[in-house]
Protein backbone atom coordinates (compact mmCIF):
# COMPACT_ATOMS: atom_id res chain seq x y z
CA MET A 1 24.20 12.92 -12.43
CA GLU A 2 25.03 12.31 -8.78
CA PRO A 3 23.04 9.63 -6.89
CA HIS A 4 20.23 10.74 -4.59
CA ALA A 5 21.28 10.83 -0.96
CA ASP A 6 18.01 9.03 -0.13
CA ALA A 7 18.47 6.36 -2.81
CA ALA A 8 15.95 3.56 -2.35
CA LEU A 9 16.99 0.62 -4.47
CA MET A 10 14.12 -1.75 -5.33
CA THR A 11 13.84 -4.96 -7.30
CA TYR A 12 10.88 -5.24 -9.67
CA THR A 13 9.71 -8.66 -10.88
CA LEU A 14 6.97 -9.40 -13.39
CA ASP A 15 6.21 -13.13 -13.46
CA GLY A 16 3.89 -14.01 -16.33
CA GLY A 17 2.48 -16.94 -14.36
CA THR A 18 0.10 -18.86 -16.64
CA ALA A 19 0.82 -16.52 -19.59
CA THR A 20 3.11 -17.90 -22.32
CA ILE A 21 5.00 -16.72 -25.40
CA THR A 22 6.09 -18.42 -28.63
CA GLY A 23 8.87 -17.22 -30.91
CA SER A 24 12.64 -17.02 -31.13
CA VAL A 25 15.59 -14.98 -29.96
CA GLY A 26 18.89 -14.62 -31.79
CA GLY A 27 17.65 -15.15 -35.34
CA ILE A 28 18.92 -18.07 -37.42
CA GLY A 29 20.84 -20.41 -35.16
CA GLY A 30 19.29 -18.82 -32.10
CA VAL A 31 16.81 -20.21 -29.57
CA ASN A 32 13.23 -21.15 -30.45
CA PHE A 33 10.57 -21.41 -27.77
CA THR A 34 6.93 -22.56 -27.78
CA ASN A 35 4.35 -21.71 -25.12
CA ALA A 36 7.19 -20.72 -22.80
CA SER A 37 6.78 -19.04 -19.44
CA TRP A 38 8.49 -15.70 -18.97
CA THR A 39 9.77 -13.36 -16.27
CA LEU A 40 10.99 -9.76 -16.49
CA THR A 41 13.13 -8.21 -13.77
CA ALA A 42 14.95 -4.96 -13.02
CA THR A 43 16.62 -3.14 -10.17
CA ALA A 44 16.19 0.63 -9.96
CA ASP A 45 16.34 3.60 -7.59
CA SER A 46 12.70 4.37 -6.71
CA SER A 47 13.63 7.92 -5.66
CA GLN A 48 14.26 8.61 -9.37
CA ALA A 49 10.65 7.84 -10.38
CA GLN A 50 9.07 10.39 -12.75
CA LEU A 51 5.34 11.06 -12.80
CA LYS A 52 4.07 11.14 -16.39
CA THR A 53 0.82 11.22 -18.32
CA ILE A 54 0.32 8.47 -20.89
CA SER A 55 -2.39 7.81 -23.48
CA ALA A 56 -6.03 8.44 -22.52
CA GLY A 57 -4.83 10.70 -19.68
CA ALA A 58 -3.71 7.88 -17.40
CA ALA A 59 -1.01 8.69 -14.84
CA ALA A 60 2.18 6.64 -14.62
CA TYR A 61 5.34 6.57 -12.54
CA VAL A 62 8.33 5.50 -14.64
CA ILE A 63 12.04 4.84 -14.11
CA PRO A 64 14.53 4.17 -16.94
CA THR A 65 16.39 0.98 -16.07
CA THR A 66 18.03 -2.20 -17.35
CA VAL A 67 15.42 -4.90 -17.93
CA THR A 68 16.20 -8.63 -18.07
CA LEU A 69 13.90 -11.16 -19.78
CA ARG A 70 14.05 -14.82 -18.79
CA ILE A 71 12.24 -17.18 -21.15
CA GLY A 72 11.22 -20.60 -19.85
CA GLY A 73 11.23 -19.88 -16.13
CA THR A 74 13.73 -18.49 -13.66
CA SER A 75 15.28 -21.77 -12.46
CA SER A 76 16.27 -23.18 -15.88
CA PRO A 77 15.47 -20.59 -18.59
CA VAL A 78 15.99 -21.47 -22.25
CA ALA A 79 17.25 -17.92 -22.78
CA THR A 80 18.15 -14.91 -20.62
CA VAL A 81 18.61 -11.57 -22.38
CA THR A 82 18.83 -7.87 -21.60
CA MET A 83 16.40 -5.63 -23.48
CA SER A 84 18.13 -2.96 -25.61
CA ASP A 85 17.24 0.74 -25.88
CA TYR A 86 16.66 1.89 -29.46
CA SER A 87 15.70 4.72 -31.81
CA SER A 88 12.69 4.63 -34.14
CA GLY A 89 10.94 7.27 -36.23
CA GLY A 90 13.05 10.05 -34.75
CA SER A 91 12.26 9.00 -31.17
CA ASN A 92 14.65 7.54 -28.61
CA PHE A 93 13.18 4.72 -26.54
CA SER A 94 14.54 3.65 -23.17
CA TRP A 95 13.32 0.61 -21.27
CA LEU A 96 11.25 1.63 -18.26
CA VAL A 97 9.72 0.08 -15.20
CA PHE A 98 6.26 1.60 -14.80
CA SER A 99 3.21 1.77 -12.58
CA VAL A 100 0.01 2.97 -14.27
CA ASP A 101 -3.30 4.27 -12.88
CA PHE A 102 -6.21 3.41 -15.20
CA GLY A 103 -8.76 4.89 -12.80
CA SER A 104 -11.74 3.19 -11.11
CA GLY A 105 -9.34 1.29 -8.85
CA ALA A 106 -7.51 -0.41 -11.72
CA GLY A 107 -3.75 -0.24 -12.21
CA ALA A 108 -0.80 -1.96 -13.83
CA GLY A 109 2.84 -2.66 -13.10
CA GLY A 110 5.39 -3.75 -15.65
CA PHE A 111 8.03 -2.88 -18.22
CA GLY A 112 8.17 -1.30 -21.65
CA PRO A 113 10.22 1.05 -23.84
CA GLY A 114 9.24 4.71 -23.71
CA ASP A 115 10.34 8.04 -25.16
CA LEU A 116 10.63 10.30 -22.11
CA SER A 117 10.77 13.43 -24.27
CA THR A 118 7.15 13.04 -25.44
CA ASN A 119 4.06 14.46 -23.72
CA PRO A 120 1.97 12.45 -23.17
CA LEU A 121 4.63 9.79 -22.69
CA GLN A 122 4.79 7.37 -25.61
CA ILE A 123 5.24 3.80 -24.40
CA ASP A 124 5.74 1.02 -26.95
CA PRO A 125 4.30 -2.43 -26.21
CA GLY A 126 5.94 -4.30 -23.36
CA ALA A 127 4.47 -6.49 -20.63
CA ASP A 128 2.54 -5.89 -17.43
CA VAL A 129 0.22 -7.25 -14.76
CA ARG A 130 -3.12 -5.47 -14.37
CA ALA A 131 -5.17 -5.62 -11.20
CA GLY A 132 -8.21 -4.05 -9.58
CA GLY A 133 -11.35 -2.77 -11.26
CA SER A 134 -12.52 -4.92 -14.16
CA PHE A 135 -9.14 -6.70 -14.23
CA GLY A 136 -9.73 -8.48 -10.91
CA GLY A 137 -6.72 -9.64 -8.94
CA THR A 138 -5.16 -7.75 -6.06
CA PRO A 139 -6.07 -4.02 -6.04
CA GLY A 140 -3.67 -1.24 -5.10
CA ILE A 141 -1.02 -2.09 -7.68
CA TYR A 142 -0.60 1.58 -8.72
CA ASN A 143 1.95 3.44 -6.59
CA ASN A 144 5.11 5.51 -6.93
CA LEU A 145 7.29 2.37 -7.32
CA SER A 146 8.67 2.67 -3.78
CA VAL A 147 6.05 0.45 -2.09
CA SER A 148 7.01 -3.17 -1.48
CA GLY A 149 4.35 -5.77 -2.14
CA VAL A 150 3.04 -8.63 -4.24
CA TRP A 151 0.05 -8.22 -6.53
CA THR A 152 -1.78 -10.75 -8.69
CA GLY A 153 -3.73 -9.95 -11.82
CA GLN A 154 -4.11 -10.35 -15.55
CA SER A 155 -0.64 -10.80 -17.09
CA LEU A 156 -0.17 -9.39 -20.59
CA PHE A 157 2.79 -9.67 -22.98
CA TRP A 158 2.53 -7.19 -25.84
CA ILE A 159 5.88 -7.52 -27.62
CA ASP A 160 4.34 -9.69 -30.37
CA SER A 161 3.40 -6.45 -32.17
CA GLN A 162 7.04 -5.84 -33.11
CA ASP A 163 10.56 -7.24 -32.73
CA TYR A 164 13.12 -5.91 -30.27
CA GLN A 165 16.90 -6.06 -30.11
CA THR A 166 18.36 -7.73 -27.04
CA SER A 167 21.78 -8.72 -25.75
CA GLY A 168 21.12 -12.13 -27.32
CA GLY A 169 19.99 -10.87 -30.71
CA LEU A 170 16.57 -10.14 -32.19
CA LEU A 171 13.55 -11.11 -30.07
CA ASP A 172 10.68 -12.22 -32.31
CA VAL A 173 7.52 -13.15 -30.39
CA THR A 174 4.99 -14.66 -32.80
CA ASN A 175 2.22 -15.63 -30.39
CA VAL A 176 1.14 -14.79 -26.87
CA VAL A 177 -1.31 -16.40 -24.48
CA ASN A 178 -2.30 -14.08 -21.66
CA GLY A 179 -2.93 -15.41 -18.18
CA THR A 180 -2.64 -14.65 -14.48
CA GLY A 181 0.68 -13.47 -13.10
CA THR A 182 2.32 -11.58 -10.26
CA TRP A 183 3.96 -8.18 -9.89
CA THR A 184 6.46 -7.99 -7.01
CA ILE A 185 8.37 -5.03 -5.60
CA THR A 186 10.99 -5.69 -2.94
CA SER A 187 13.50 -3.38 -1.28
CA VAL A 188 17.21 -4.14 -1.59
CA PRO A 189 18.84 -4.25 1.87
CA GLY A 190 21.23 -1.33 2.22
CA GLY A 191 19.98 0.08 -1.06
CA GLY A 192 22.04 3.27 -0.96
CA GLY A 193 25.01 4.56 -2.94
CA ALA A 194 27.28 1.55 -2.40
CA VAL A 195 24.63 -0.85 -3.68
CA LEU A 196 23.82 1.44 -6.61
CA LEU A 197 27.48 1.41 -7.62
CA ALA A 198 27.54 -2.37 -7.40
CA ALA A 199 24.44 -2.57 -9.59
CA GLY A 200 25.99 -0.26 -12.18
CA LEU A 201 23.25 2.34 -11.78
CA VAL A 202 25.49 5.29 -10.89
CA ARG A 203 27.49 6.89 -13.68
CA ARG A 204 30.65 8.84 -13.01
CA ARG A 205 30.37 12.56 -13.60
CA ARG A 206 32.08 13.55 -16.84
CA ARG A 207 35.06 15.80 -16.33
CA ARG A 208 34.76 19.18 -17.95
């Protein structure tokens, strides 16, 4: 697929803030962590956002992308891994950045694996920040993923419900403590085709 002429490269950052996770990554001989902070990040072309319906009829903008998890903070993480796409139960799950509208002024921004072929879209547990409505925090978090801003709200990490493969081996989260975190969207200067190529987001067209 050729890149959009109006490519708008954005960086998406989910900082868990006061939320923590406990578990391990890499299996035996890997890294163990206890009550560790966490941050998820990705860079994606916001012009590629797809509008989907998810469970309970909520609307969501989603973009398949490469998602990086830093455990233990961004300055000196105990582990930094890339989340892996996978297949399960006949479905193919790709990691997504998403923005969800729960209605009544409440929304969420975050990351999770989803099967884009399903309707409504099936999203497996991931992590997000929820704001507005009964969640408190900064309202207006739901948008088409092209709006720069910083939002605070309830930070949730849901991966404890199952294990995921990563570039560093199996991620096993055994306990989560939810808290207050931030969801940040920033534009990448000059975020057109050249930057997309540098970020590895443009694939060469296959020769016929």
